[in-house]
Structure formats: structure tokens, C-alpha cells
All heavy atoms as atom14 arrays in JSON, in Angstrom:
{
  "sequence": "LVSSAQPSTIDEAVFVHRRLEALRRDGDCFVINRVRPRMLPE",
  "atom14_mask": [
    [1, 1, 1, 1, 1, 1, 1, 1, 0, 0, 0, 0, 0, 0],
    [1, 1, 1, 1, 1, 1, 1, 0, 0, 0, 0, 0, 0, 0],
    [1, 1, 1, 1, 1, 1, 0, 0, 0, 0, 0, 0, 0, 0],
    [1, 1, 1, 1, 1, 1, 0, 0, 0, 0, 0, 0, 0, 0],
    [1, 1, 1, 1, 1, 0, 0, 0, 0, 0, 0, 0, 0, 0],
    [1, 1, 1, 1, 1, 1, 1, 1, 1, 0, 0, 0, 0, 0],
    [1, 1, 1, 1, 1, 1, 1, 0, 0, 0, 0, 0, 0, 0],
    [1, 1, 1, 1, 1, 1, 0, 0, 0, 0, 0, 0, 0, 0],
    [1, 1, 1, 1, 1, 1, 1, 0, 0, 0, 0, 0, 0, 0],
    [1, 1, 1, 1, 1, 1, 1, 1, 0, 0, 0, 0, 0, 0],
    [1, 1, 1, 1, 1, 1, 1, 1, 0, 0, 0, 0, 0, 0],
    [1, 1, 1, 1, 1, 1, 1, 1, 1, 0, 0, 0, 0, 0],
    [1, 1, 1, 1, 1, 0, 0, 0, 0, 0, 0, 0, 0, 0],
    [1, 1, 1, 1, 1, 1, 1, 0, 0, 0, 0, 0, 0, 0],
    [1, 1, 1, 1, 1, 1, 1, 1, 1, 1, 1, 0, 0, 0],
    [1, 1, 1, 1, 1, 1, 1, 0, 0, 0, 0, 0, 0, 0],
    [1, 1, 1, 1, 1, 1, 1, 1, 1, 1, 0, 0, 0, 0],
    [1, 1, 1, 1, 1, 1, 1, 1, 1, 1, 1, 0, 0, 0],
    [1, 1, 1, 1, 1, 1, 1, 1, 1, 1, 1, 0, 0, 0],
    [1, 1, 1, 1, 1, 1, 1, 1, 0, 0, 0, 0, 0, 0],
    [1, 1, 1, 1, 1, 1, 1, 1, 1, 0, 0, 0, 0, 0],
    [1, 1, 1, 1, 1, 0, 0, 0, 0, 0, 0, 0, 0, 0],
    [1, 1, 1, 1, 1, 1, 1, 1, 0, 0, 0, 0, 0, 0],
    [1, 1, 1, 1, 1, 1, 1, 1, 1, 1, 1, 0, 0, 0],
    [1, 1, 1, 1, 1, 1, 1, 1, 1, 1, 1, 0, 0, 0],
    [1, 1, 1, 1, 1, 1, 1, 1, 0, 0, 0, 0, 0, 0],
    [1, 1, 1, 1, 0, 0, 0, 0, 0, 0, 0, 0, 0, 0],
    [1, 1, 1, 1, 1, 1, 1, 1, 0, 0, 0, 0, 0, 0],
    [1, 1, 1, 1, 1, 1, 0, 0, 0, 0, 0, 0, 0, 0],
    [1, 1, 1, 1, 1, 1, 1, 1, 1, 1, 1, 0, 0, 0],
    [1, 1, 1, 1, 1, 1, 1, 0, 0, 0, 0, 0, 0, 0],
    [1, 1, 1, 1, 1, 1, 1, 1, 0, 0, 0, 0, 0, 0],
    [1, 1, 1, 1, 1, 1, 1, 1, 0, 0, 0, 0, 0, 0],
    [1, 1, 1, 1, 1, 1, 1, 1, 1, 1, 1, 0, 0, 0],
    [1, 1, 1, 1, 1, 1, 1, 0, 0, 0, 0, 0, 0, 0],
    [1, 1, 1, 1, 1, 1, 1, 1, 1, 1, 1, 0, 0, 0],
    [1, 1, 1, 1, 1, 1, 1, 0, 0, 0, 0, 0, 0, 0],
    [1, 1, 1, 1, 1, 1, 1, 1, 1, 1, 1, 0, 0, 0],
    [1, 1, 1, 1, 1, 1, 1, 1, 0, 0, 0, 0, 0, 0],
    [1, 1, 1, 1, 1, 1, 1, 1, 0, 0, 0, 0, 0, 0],
    [1, 1, 1, 1, 1, 1, 1, 0, 0, 0, 0, 0, 0, 0],
    [1, 1, 1, 1, 1, 1, 1, 1, 1, 0, 0, 0, 0, 0]
  ],
  "atom14_positions": [
    [[0.84, -1.17, 0.0], [0.0, 0.0, 0.0], [0.88, 1.23, 0.0], [1.92, 1.26, 0.64], [-0.89, 0.02, 1.25], [-1.98, -1.04, 1.3], [-2.61, -1.08, 2.67], [-3.02, -0.77, 0.25], [0.0, 0.0, 0.0], [0.0, 0.0, 0.0], [0.0, 0.0, 0.0], [0.0, 0.0, 0.0], [0.0, 0.0, 0.0], [0.0, 0.0, 0.0]],
    [[0.45, 2.26, -0.7], [1.18, 3.51, -0.77], [0.32, 4.6, -0.14], [-0.88, 4.68, -0.4], [1.52, 3.88, -2.23], [2.25, 5.21, -2.31], [2.35, 2.77, -2.87], [0.0, 0.0, 0.0], [0.0, 0.0, 0.0], [0.0, 0.0, 0.0], [0.0, 0.0, 0.0], [0.0, 0.0, 0.0], [0.0, 0.0, 0.0], [0.0, 0.0, 0.0]],
    [[0.95, 5.43, 0.67], [0.23, 6.5, 1.38], [1.18, 7.67, 1.56], [2.37, 7.58, 1.28], [-0.23, 5.97, 2.75], [-0.88, 6.98, 3.49], [0.0, 0.0, 0.0], [0.0, 0.0, 0.0], [0.0, 0.0, 0.0], [0.0, 0.0, 0.0], [0.0, 0.0, 0.0], [0.0, 0.0, 0.0], [0.0, 0.0, 0.0], [0.0, 0.0, 0.0]],
    [[0.63, 8.76, 2.07], [1.48, 9.85, 2.56], [1.47, 9.76, 4.07], [0.81, 8.9, 4.65], [0.95, 11.21, 2.09], [-0.21, 11.57, 2.81], [0.0, 0.0, 0.0], [0.0, 0.0, 0.0], [0.0, 0.0, 0.0], [0.0, 0.0, 0.0], [0.0, 0.0, 0.0], [0.0, 0.0, 0.0], [0.0, 0.0, 0.0], [0.0, 0.0, 0.0]],
    [[2.18, 10.65, 4.74], [2.26, 10.61, 6.2], [1.18, 11.46, 6.87], [1.24, 11.68, 8.07], [3.65, 11.06, 6.66], [0.0, 0.0, 0.0], [0.0, 0.0, 0.0], [0.0, 0.0, 0.0], [0.0, 0.0, 0.0], [0.0, 0.0, 0.0], [0.0, 0.0, 0.0], [0.0, 0.0, 0.0], [0.0, 0.0, 0.0], [0.0, 0.0, 0.0]],
    [[0.21, 11.92, 6.1], [-0.87, 12.72, 6.69], [-1.81, 11.8, 7.47], [-2.07, 10.66, 7.06], [-1.65, 13.44, 5.59], [-0.79, 14.4, 4.79], [-0.13, 15.43, 5.68], [-0.77, 16.09, 6.48], [1.19, 15.55, 5.55], [0.0, 0.0, 0.0], [0.0, 0.0, 0.0], [0.0, 0.0, 0.0], [0.0, 0.0, 0.0], [0.0, 0.0, 0.0]],
    [[-2.33, 12.27, 8.61], [-3.19, 11.4, 9.43], [-4.36, 10.79, 8.66], [-4.65, 9.6, 8.82], [-3.68, 12.35, 10.53], [-2.6, 13.38, 10.64], [-2.09, 13.56, 9.24], [0.0, 0.0, 0.0], [0.0, 0.0, 0.0], [0.0, 0.0, 0.0], [0.0, 0.0, 0.0], [0.0, 0.0, 0.0], [0.0, 0.0, 0.0], [0.0, 0.0, 0.0]],
    [[-5.02, 11.56, 7.81], [-6.18, 11.02, 7.09], [-5.77, 9.93, 6.09], [-6.49, 8.93, 5.94], [-6.94, 12.13, 6.37], [-6.1, 12.76, 5.42], [0.0, 0.0, 0.0], [0.0, 0.0, 0.0], [0.0, 0.0, 0.0], [0.0, 0.0, 0.0], [0.0, 0.0, 0.0], [0.0, 0.0, 0.0], [0.0, 0.0, 0.0], [0.0, 0.0, 0.0]],
    [[-4.62, 10.08, 5.43], [-4.2, 9.05, 4.49], [-3.65, 7.83, 5.21], [-3.79, 6.7, 4.7], [-3.19, 9.59, 3.46], [-2.05, 10.08, 4.14], [-3.8, 10.68, 2.61], [0.0, 0.0, 0.0], [0.0, 0.0, 0.0], [0.0, 0.0, 0.0], [0.0, 0.0, 0.0], [0.0, 0.0, 0.0], [0.0, 0.0, 0.0], [0.0, 0.0, 0.0]],
    [[-3.09, 8.01, 6.37], [-2.68, 6.86, 7.18], [-3.92, 6.07, 7.6], [-3.96, 4.84, 7.51], [-1.86, 7.29, 8.42], [-0.5, 7.87, 8.0], [-1.69, 6.13, 9.41], [0.46, 6.9, 7.37], [0.0, 0.0, 0.0], [0.0, 0.0, 0.0], [0.0, 0.0, 0.0], [0.0, 0.0, 0.0], [0.0, 0.0, 0.0], [0.0, 0.0, 0.0]],
    [[-4.97, 6.78, 8.01], [-6.23, 6.11, 8.36], [-6.79, 5.34, 7.17], [-7.28, 4.21, 7.32], [-7.26, 7.12, 8.87], [-6.91, 7.7, 10.22], [-6.11, 7.09, 10.97], [-7.44, 8.79, 10.55], [0.0, 0.0, 0.0], [0.0, 0.0, 0.0], [0.0, 0.0, 0.0], [0.0, 0.0, 0.0], [0.0, 0.0, 0.0], [0.0, 0.0, 0.0]],
    [[-6.72, 5.93, 5.97], [-7.19, 5.24, 4.77], [-6.36, 4.0, 4.49], [-6.9, 2.95, 4.11], [-7.14, 6.17, 3.56], [-8.17, 7.28, 3.61], [-7.99, 8.3, 2.5], [-7.13, 8.09, 1.6], [-8.69, 9.32, 2.53], [0.0, 0.0, 0.0], [0.0, 0.0, 0.0], [0.0, 0.0, 0.0], [0.0, 0.0, 0.0], [0.0, 0.0, 0.0]],
    [[-5.05, 4.08, 4.67], [-4.17, 2.92, 4.45], [-4.51, 1.8, 5.43], [-4.55, 0.63, 5.05], [-2.71, 3.32, 4.58], [0.0, 0.0, 0.0], [0.0, 0.0, 0.0], [0.0, 0.0, 0.0], [0.0, 0.0, 0.0], [0.0, 0.0, 0.0], [0.0, 0.0, 0.0], [0.0, 0.0, 0.0], [0.0, 0.0, 0.0], [0.0, 0.0, 0.0]],
    [[-4.78, 2.17, 6.68], [-5.17, 1.17, 7.68], [-6.49, 0.52, 7.27], [-6.64, -0.71, 7.34], [-5.27, 1.8, 9.09], [-5.89, 0.83, 10.08], [-3.9, 2.27, 9.57], [0.0, 0.0, 0.0], [0.0, 0.0, 0.0], [0.0, 0.0, 0.0], [0.0, 0.0, 0.0], [0.0, 0.0, 0.0], [0.0, 0.0, 0.0], [0.0, 0.0, 0.0]],
    [[-7.45, 1.32, 6.81], [-8.74, 0.8, 6.38], [-8.56, -0.18, 5.22], [-9.11, -1.3, 5.25], [-9.66, 1.96, 5.96], [-10.94, 1.5, 5.34], [-11.99, 1.05, 6.14], [-11.1, 1.49, 3.97], [-13.18, 0.6, 5.56], [-12.28, 1.06, 3.39], [-13.33, 0.61, 4.19], [0.0, 0.0, 0.0], [0.0, 0.0, 0.0], [0.0, 0.0, 0.0]],
    [[-7.8, 0.21, 4.2], [-7.59, -0.67, 3.04], [-6.86, -1.93, 3.48], [-7.21, -3.05, 3.05], [-6.82, 0.07, 1.92], [-6.38, -0.88, 0.82], [-7.68, 1.19, 1.36], [0.0, 0.0, 0.0], [0.0, 0.0, 0.0], [0.0, 0.0, 0.0], [0.0, 0.0, 0.0], [0.0, 0.0, 0.0], [0.0, 0.0, 0.0], [0.0, 0.0, 0.0]],
    [[-5.86, -1.79, 4.33], [-5.13, -2.95, 4.84], [-6.09, -3.94, 5.51], [-6.02, -5.15, 5.27], [-4.05, -2.49, 5.82], [-3.42, -3.59, 6.59], [-2.57, -4.51, 6.02], [-3.54, -3.95, 7.89], [-2.19, -5.38, 6.94], [-2.76, -5.06, 8.09], [0.0, 0.0, 0.0], [0.0, 0.0, 0.0], [0.0, 0.0, 0.0], [0.0, 0.0, 0.0]],
    [[-6.95, -3.43, 6.36], [-7.91, -4.31, 7.06], [-8.89, -4.96, 6.1], [-9.25, -6.13, 6.28], [-8.62, -3.52, 8.15], [-7.67, -3.2, 9.29], [-8.35, -2.56, 10.45], [-7.38, -2.37, 11.52], [-7.47, -1.43, 12.43], [-8.49, -0.6, 12.42], [-6.54, -1.32, 13.36], [0.0, 0.0, 0.0], [0.0, 0.0, 0.0], [0.0, 0.0, 0.0]],
    [[-9.32, -4.22, 5.08], [-10.21, -4.81, 4.08], [-9.49, -5.92, 3.32], [-10.06, -6.97, 3.05], [-10.71, -3.73, 3.11], [-11.61, -2.69, 3.74], [-12.96, -3.21, 4.11], [-13.65, -3.6, 2.89], [-14.63, -4.49, 2.84], [-15.04, -5.08, 3.93], [-15.2, -4.78, 1.7], [0.0, 0.0, 0.0], [0.0, 0.0, 0.0], [0.0, 0.0, 0.0]],
    [[-8.24, -5.67, 2.97], [-7.47, -6.7, 2.27], [-7.28, -7.93, 3.15], [-7.37, -9.07, 2.67], [-6.11, -6.15, 1.82], [-6.15, -5.15, 0.67], [-4.77, -4.52, 0.47], [-6.63, -5.8, -0.61], [0.0, 0.0, 0.0], [0.0, 0.0, 0.0], [0.0, 0.0, 0.0], [0.0, 0.0, 0.0], [0.0, 0.0, 0.0], [0.0, 0.0, 0.0]],
    [[-7.02, -7.71, 4.43], [-6.9, -8.84, 5.36], [-8.19, -9.65, 5.4], [-8.16, -10.88, 5.39], [-6.57, -8.35, 6.77], [-5.13, -8.11, 7.02], [-4.86, -7.77, 8.48], [-5.73, -7.19, 9.15], [-3.76, -8.1, 8.93], [0.0, 0.0, 0.0], [0.0, 0.0, 0.0], [0.0, 0.0, 0.0], [0.0, 0.0, 0.0], [0.0, 0.0, 0.0]],
    [[-9.32, -8.95, 5.45], [-10.62, -9.63, 5.5], [-10.85, -10.47, 4.24], [-11.5, -11.52, 4.29], [-11.74, -8.61, 5.67], [0.0, 0.0, 0.0], [0.0, 0.0, 0.0], [0.0, 0.0, 0.0], [0.0, 0.0, 0.0], [0.0, 0.0, 0.0], [0.0, 0.0, 0.0], [0.0, 0.0, 0.0], [0.0, 0.0, 0.0], [0.0, 0.0, 0.0]],
    [[-10.3, -10.01, 3.13], [-10.41, -10.74, 1.87], [-9.27, -11.74, 1.68], [-9.16, -12.35, 0.63], [-10.43, -9.76, 0.7], [-11.62, -8.8, 0.64], [-11.39, -7.73, -0.42], [-12.91, -9.57, 0.39], [0.0, 0.0, 0.0], [0.0, 0.0, 0.0], [0.0, 0.0, 0.0], [0.0, 0.0, 0.0], [0.0, 0.0, 0.0], [0.0, 0.0, 0.0]],
    [[-8.43, -11.84, 2.7], [-7.25, -12.71, 2.65], [-6.33, -12.35, 1.49], [-5.73, -13.19, 0.83], [-7.65, -14.17, 2.6], [-8.4, -14.56, 3.84], [-8.94, -15.92, 3.77], [-9.89, -16.04, 4.87], [-10.05, -17.12, 5.58], [-9.35, -18.18, 5.3], [-10.93, -17.16, 6.54], [0.0, 0.0, 0.0], [0.0, 0.0, 0.0], [0.0, 0.0, 0.0]],
    [[-6.21, -11.05, 1.27], [-5.34, -10.5, 0.22], [-4.35, -9.53, 0.84], [-4.11, -8.46, 0.32], [-6.17, -9.75, -0.83], [-7.18, -10.58, -1.51], [-6.51, -11.28, -2.64], [-7.53, -11.97, -3.43], [-7.22, -12.85, -4.33], [-5.98, -13.15, -4.55], [-8.16, -13.44, -5.0], [0.0, 0.0, 0.0], [0.0, 0.0, 0.0], [0.0, 0.0, 0.0]],
    [[-3.79, -9.9, 1.94], [-2.9, -9.03, 2.69], [-1.66, -8.69, 1.88], [-1.07, -9.55, 1.23], [-2.5, -9.72, 4.0], [-1.83, -8.8, 4.97], [-2.06, -7.59, 4.88], [-1.08, -9.3, 5.81], [0.0, 0.0, 0.0], [0.0, 0.0, 0.0], [0.0, 0.0, 0.0], [0.0, 0.0, 0.0], [0.0, 0.0, 0.0], [0.0, 0.0, 0.0]],
    [[-1.26, -7.42, 1.91], [-0.05, -6.98, 1.23], [1.16, -7.17, 2.14], [1.02, -7.41, 3.34], [0.0, 0.0, 0.0], [0.0, 0.0, 0.0], [0.0, 0.0, 0.0], [0.0, 0.0, 0.0], [0.0, 0.0, 0.0], [0.0, 0.0, 0.0], [0.0, 0.0, 0.0], [0.0, 0.0, 0.0], [0.0, 0.0, 0.0], [0.0, 0.0, 0.0]],
    [[2.32, -7.07, 1.56], [3.54, -7.29, 2.32], [4.16, -6.01, 2.86], [4.9, -6.04, 3.83], [4.59, -7.98, 1.46], [4.25, -9.44, 1.22], [3.41, -9.98, 1.95], [4.83, -10.02, 0.3], [0.0, 0.0, 0.0], [0.0, 0.0, 0.0], [0.0, 0.0, 0.0], [0.0, 0.0, 0.0], [0.0, 0.0, 0.0], [0.0, 0.0, 0.0]],
    [[3.92, -4.86, 2.17], [4.64, -3.67, 2.6], [3.82, -2.41, 2.41], [2.84, -2.38, 1.67], [5.99, -3.57, 1.9], [5.91, -3.09, 0.19], [0.0, 0.0, 0.0], [0.0, 0.0, 0.0], [0.0, 0.0, 0.0], [0.0, 0.0, 0.0], [0.0, 0.0, 0.0], [0.0, 0.0, 0.0], [0.0, 0.0, 0.0], [0.0, 0.0, 0.0]],
    [[4.3, -1.38, 3.08], [3.72, -0.05, 3.0], [4.82, 0.9, 2.54], [5.95, 0.83, 3.03], [3.22, 0.41, 4.37], [2.06, -0.37, 4.89], [2.24, -1.6, 5.51], [0.77, 0.13, 4.78], [1.18, -2.32, 6.0], [-0.31, -0.59, 5.26], [-0.11, -1.81, 5.88], [0.0, 0.0, 0.0], [0.0, 0.0, 0.0], [0.0, 0.0, 0.0]],
    [[4.48, 1.8, 1.63], [5.4, 2.85, 1.19], [4.75, 4.18, 1.55], [3.62, 4.45, 1.13], [5.67, 2.78, -0.33], [6.52, 3.96, -0.79], [6.33, 1.46, -0.7], [0.0, 0.0, 0.0], [0.0, 0.0, 0.0], [0.0, 0.0, 0.0], [0.0, 0.0, 0.0], [0.0, 0.0, 0.0], [0.0, 0.0, 0.0], [0.0, 0.0, 0.0]],
    [[5.45, 4.96, 2.33], [4.94, 6.25, 2.76], [5.71, 7.33, 2.0], [6.92, 7.48, 2.17], [5.07, 6.44, 4.28], [4.52, 5.22, 5.03], [4.38, 7.72, 4.72], [3.1, 4.83, 4.67], [0.0, 0.0, 0.0], [0.0, 0.0, 0.0], [0.0, 0.0, 0.0], [0.0, 0.0, 0.0], [0.0, 0.0, 0.0], [0.0, 0.0, 0.0]],
    [[4.99, 8.08, 1.17], [5.58, 9.12, 0.32], [5.63, 10.46, 1.03], [4.86, 10.73, 1.95], [4.7, 9.32, -0.92], [5.02, 8.34, -2.0], [6.15, 7.95, -2.21], [3.98, 7.94, -2.71], [0.0, 0.0, 0.0], [0.0, 0.0, 0.0], [0.0, 0.0, 0.0], [0.0, 0.0, 0.0], [0.0, 0.0, 0.0], [0.0, 0.0, 0.0]],
    [[6.49, 11.3, 0.52], [6.57, 12.71, 0.93], [6.79, 12.9, 2.42], [6.21, 13.77, 3.05], [5.34, 13.48, 0.46], [5.21, 13.48, -1.04], [4.02, 14.24, -1.5], [4.01, 14.27, -2.96], [3.08, 14.85, -3.66], [2.1, 15.46, -3.09], [3.15, 14.81, -4.97], [0.0, 0.0, 0.0], [0.0, 0.0, 0.0], [0.0, 0.0, 0.0]],
    [[7.65, 12.07, 2.98], [7.99, 12.19, 4.39], [9.05, 13.28, 4.53], [10.06, 13.25, 3.84], [8.51, 10.84, 4.95], [8.97, 10.99, 6.39], [7.44, 9.77, 4.81], [0.0, 0.0, 0.0], [0.0, 0.0, 0.0], [0.0, 0.0, 0.0], [0.0, 0.0, 0.0], [0.0, 0.0, 0.0], [0.0, 0.0, 0.0], [0.0, 0.0, 0.0]],
    [[8.78, 14.22, 5.42], [9.75, 15.3, 5.65], [10.91, 14.75, 6.47], [10.69, 14.22, 7.56], [9.08, 16.46, 6.36], [8.12, 17.21, 5.45], [7.3, 18.19, 6.23], [6.16, 17.5, 6.81], [4.9, 17.86, 6.61], [4.6, 18.9, 5.88], [3.92, 17.18, 7.16], [0.0, 0.0, 0.0], [0.0, 0.0, 0.0], [0.0, 0.0, 0.0]],
    [[12.13, 14.87, 5.96], [13.29, 14.36, 6.71], [13.68, 15.31, 7.84], [13.51, 16.53, 7.73], [14.4, 14.29, 5.66], [14.03, 15.34, 4.67], [12.52, 15.39, 4.65], [0.0, 0.0, 0.0], [0.0, 0.0, 0.0], [0.0, 0.0, 0.0], [0.0, 0.0, 0.0], [0.0, 0.0, 0.0], [0.0, 0.0, 0.0], [0.0, 0.0, 0.0]],
    [[14.18, 14.74, 8.92], [14.68, 15.56, 10.01], [15.98, 16.21, 9.57], [16.78, 15.61, 8.88], [14.92, 14.7, 11.24], [13.69, 13.92, 11.61], [13.08, 14.05, 12.88], [13.46, 15.1, 13.76], [13.0, 15.13, 14.99], [12.22, 14.19, 15.42], [13.33, 16.12, 15.79], [0.0, 0.0, 0.0], [0.0, 0.0, 0.0], [0.0, 0.0, 0.0]],
    [[16.18, 17.43, 10.0], [17.42, 18.16, 9.7], [18.37, 18.11, 10.88], [19.57, 18.29, 10.71], [17.11, 19.63, 9.37], [16.13, 19.79, 8.24], [16.84, 19.28, 6.71], [16.63, 20.73, 5.75], [0.0, 0.0, 0.0], [0.0, 0.0, 0.0], [0.0, 0.0, 0.0], [0.0, 0.0, 0.0], [0.0, 0.0, 0.0], [0.0, 0.0, 0.0]],
    [[17.83, 17.88, 12.07], [18.62, 17.84, 13.3], [18.48, 16.46, 13.93], [17.46, 15.8, 13.73], [18.1, 18.89, 14.3], [18.16, 20.35, 13.87], [17.44, 21.23, 14.89], [19.6, 20.79, 13.72], [0.0, 0.0, 0.0], [0.0, 0.0, 0.0], [0.0, 0.0, 0.0], [0.0, 0.0, 0.0], [0.0, 0.0, 0.0], [0.0, 0.0, 0.0]],
    [[19.45, 16.03, 14.71], [19.28, 14.78, 15.45], [18.08, 14.89, 16.39], [17.75, 15.99, 16.87], [20.58, 14.66, 16.26], [21.55, 15.57, 15.59], [20.75, 16.66, 14.94], [0.0, 0.0, 0.0], [0.0, 0.0, 0.0], [0.0, 0.0, 0.0], [0.0, 0.0, 0.0], [0.0, 0.0, 0.0], [0.0, 0.0, 0.0], [0.0, 0.0, 0.0]],
    [[17.42, 13.77, 16.61], [16.23, 13.78, 17.46], [16.55, 14.37, 18.83], [17.55, 14.04, 19.46], [15.67, 12.36, 17.63], [14.31, 12.36, 18.26], [13.56, 11.07, 18.05], [13.95, 10.29, 17.17], [12.61, 10.85, 18.77], [0.0, 0.0, 0.0], [0.0, 0.0, 0.0], [0.0, 0.0, 0.0], [0.0, 0.0, 0.0], [0.0, 0.0, 0.0]]
  ]
}
């Protein structure tokens, strides 16, 4: 599944993931696009 890091799209990815699980079509990975990289150490 591909998503962005926005809360609403994460919720959508979780929803699709659960639907796929219910259909026994579970995916193997998640790709999160447009993640802002940290500039400073945590």
C-alpha cells in the first residue's frame, strides 16, 4: 500500500489494509511518500 504521512491518508491505508486482510489478500509492505526528513538529530 502507498500512502502519505498525513493522518487522514494513514487512516485510509489502515482501512484498506484491514479490508485486504478480510479478503485474505494481505499486502507485504507499506510505502509512505513525501515524508519530511529531520534536519537535526532527534
